[in-house]
């Protein structure tokens, strides 16, 4: 199991399980960088924690399916997610996560790309 596999497993529980949320945040290196799709890059575990806290507060339940491959520079996961916003509306999105790892196997950089139609 790769760190991205663990990331997606924990993400599916992080909106309702504080231990899963904390474990998810700890997958990142102290000075990690996350580039969310359509958002501003965040740097450092504290900013990453704030980003994910905001993200998971919007959802009641989410479920990922994904496929992870090792690349020359790290890991690439193709994923799809379906879920329910806390307001009751359902959604589905797909995309790619590109991760580079530090020597300890923690996520050093993570770029999130959403799939485009057409």
Protein backbone atom coordinates (compact mmCIF):
# COMPACT_ATOMS: atom_id res chain seq x y z
CA UNK A 1 0.00 0.00 0.00
CA UNK A 2 1.36 3.41 -0.96
CA UNK A 3 1.02 6.63 1.00
CA UNK A 4 -1.59 7.80 -1.56
CA UNK A 5 -3.62 4.63 -1.00
CA UNK A 6 -3.59 5.41 2.72
CA UNK A 7 -4.47 9.05 1.92
CA UNK A 8 -7.64 8.04 0.06
CA UNK A 9 -8.67 5.46 2.66
CA UNK A 10 -8.33 8.05 5.43
CA UNK A 11 -10.06 10.74 3.34
CA UNK A 12 -13.19 8.62 3.17
CA UNK A 13 -13.43 8.73 6.99
CA UNK A 14 -11.89 12.12 7.79
CA UNK A 15 -15.15 14.09 7.68
CA UNK A 16 -16.57 12.12 10.63
CA UNK A 17 -13.54 10.46 12.29
CA UNK A 18 -11.08 12.81 14.02
CA UNK A 19 -8.41 10.09 14.37
CA UNK A 20 -8.56 9.45 10.61
CA UNK A 21 -8.30 13.19 9.96
CA UNK A 22 -5.23 13.51 12.19
CA UNK A 23 -3.60 10.46 10.59
CA UNK A 24 -4.30 11.94 7.15
CA UNK A 25 -2.59 15.23 8.04
CA UNK A 26 0.39 13.30 9.41
CA UNK A 27 0.95 11.68 6.00
CA UNK A 28 2.46 15.05 4.99
CA UNK A 29 6.02 16.20 5.69
CA UNK A 30 6.39 19.22 7.98
CA UNK A 31 7.11 21.62 5.08
CA UNK A 32 4.95 19.88 2.50
CA UNK A 33 3.20 21.78 -0.27
CA UNK A 34 -0.31 21.12 -1.56
CA UNK A 35 -1.62 22.64 -4.77
CA UNK A 36 -5.40 22.16 -4.72
CA UNK A 37 -7.28 22.16 -8.01
CA UNK A 38 -8.39 25.73 -8.65
CA UNK A 39 -6.96 27.00 -5.39
CA UNK A 40 -3.87 28.59 -3.92
CA UNK A 41 -0.88 26.50 -2.88
CA UNK A 42 -0.54 25.92 0.85
CA UNK A 43 2.78 25.22 2.56
CA UNK A 44 3.44 23.55 5.89
CA UNK A 45 1.48 21.05 7.92
CA UNK A 46 -0.54 23.73 9.79
CA UNK A 47 -1.83 25.25 6.53
CA UNK A 48 -2.47 21.78 5.10
CA UNK A 49 -4.47 20.87 8.20
CA UNK A 50 -6.55 24.06 7.84
CA UNK A 51 -7.16 23.35 4.13
CA UNK A 52 -8.35 19.80 4.74
CA UNK A 53 -10.42 20.80 7.79
CA UNK A 54 -12.31 23.29 5.61
CA UNK A 55 -12.72 20.68 2.85
CA UNK A 56 -14.06 17.94 5.11
CA UNK A 57 -16.41 20.29 6.99
CA UNK A 58 -18.39 20.64 3.74
CA UNK A 59 -19.17 16.92 3.45
CA UNK A 60 -21.20 14.39 5.37
CA UNK A 61 -19.89 11.35 3.51
CA UNK A 62 -17.51 10.79 0.63
CA UNK A 63 -16.28 7.66 -1.12
CA UNK A 64 -13.22 7.38 -3.36
CA UNK A 65 -12.24 4.79 -5.92
CA UNK A 66 -8.70 5.09 -7.22
CA UNK A 67 -5.75 3.49 -8.92
CA UNK A 68 -2.20 4.38 -7.86
CA UNK A 69 0.96 3.98 -9.92
CA UNK A 70 4.59 4.65 -9.10
CA UNK A 71 6.16 7.20 -11.42
CA UNK A 72 9.69 8.40 -12.02
CA UNK A 73 9.06 11.32 -9.65
CA UNK A 74 6.78 9.73 -7.05
CA UNK A 75 3.18 8.54 -7.24
CA UNK A 76 0.18 9.24 -9.45
CA UNK A 77 -3.37 8.33 -8.50
CA UNK A 78 -6.33 8.51 -10.84
CA UNK A 79 -9.46 8.84 -8.74
CA UNK A 80 -13.18 9.43 -8.66
CA UNK A 81 -15.18 10.61 -5.68
CA UNK A 82 -18.88 10.64 -4.93
CA UNK A 83 -20.40 12.17 -1.88
CA UNK A 84 -23.01 14.24 -0.15
CA UNK A 85 -22.54 17.83 0.91
CA UNK A 86 -23.70 18.64 4.44
CA UNK A 87 -26.64 20.50 2.82
CA UNK A 88 -27.83 17.19 1.31
CA UNK A 89 -26.76 17.76 -2.31
CA UNK A 90 -24.85 14.91 -3.94
CA UNK A 91 -21.84 15.28 -6.23
CA UNK A 92 -19.30 13.29 -8.23
CA UNK A 93 -15.86 14.40 -9.46
CA UNK A 94 -12.80 12.72 -10.92
CA UNK A 95 -9.18 13.71 -11.23
CA UNK A 96 -5.53 12.97 -10.59
CA UNK A 97 -3.24 13.39 -7.58
CA UNK A 98 0.48 13.77 -8.29
CA UNK A 99 2.69 13.24 -5.24
CA UNK A 100 6.39 13.48 -4.54
CA UNK A 101 7.64 11.88 -1.34
CA UNK A 102 10.41 12.79 1.06
CA UNK A 103 13.07 10.26 2.15
CA UNK A 104 10.83 9.10 5.04
CA UNK A 105 7.98 8.32 2.62
CA UNK A 106 5.81 11.29 3.64
CA UNK A 107 4.11 13.47 1.04
CA UNK A 108 6.40 16.40 0.21
CA UNK A 109 4.38 17.85 -2.68
CA UNK A 110 0.84 17.08 -3.77
CA UNK A 111 -0.85 18.49 -6.84
CA UNK A 112 -4.57 17.90 -7.36
CA UNK A 113 -5.97 18.08 -10.89
CA UNK A 114 -9.62 17.74 -11.78
CA UNK A 115 -10.59 15.93 -14.97
CA UNK A 116 -12.07 18.07 -17.70
CA UNK A 117 -14.88 17.03 -19.98
CA UNK A 118 -14.48 17.51 -23.67
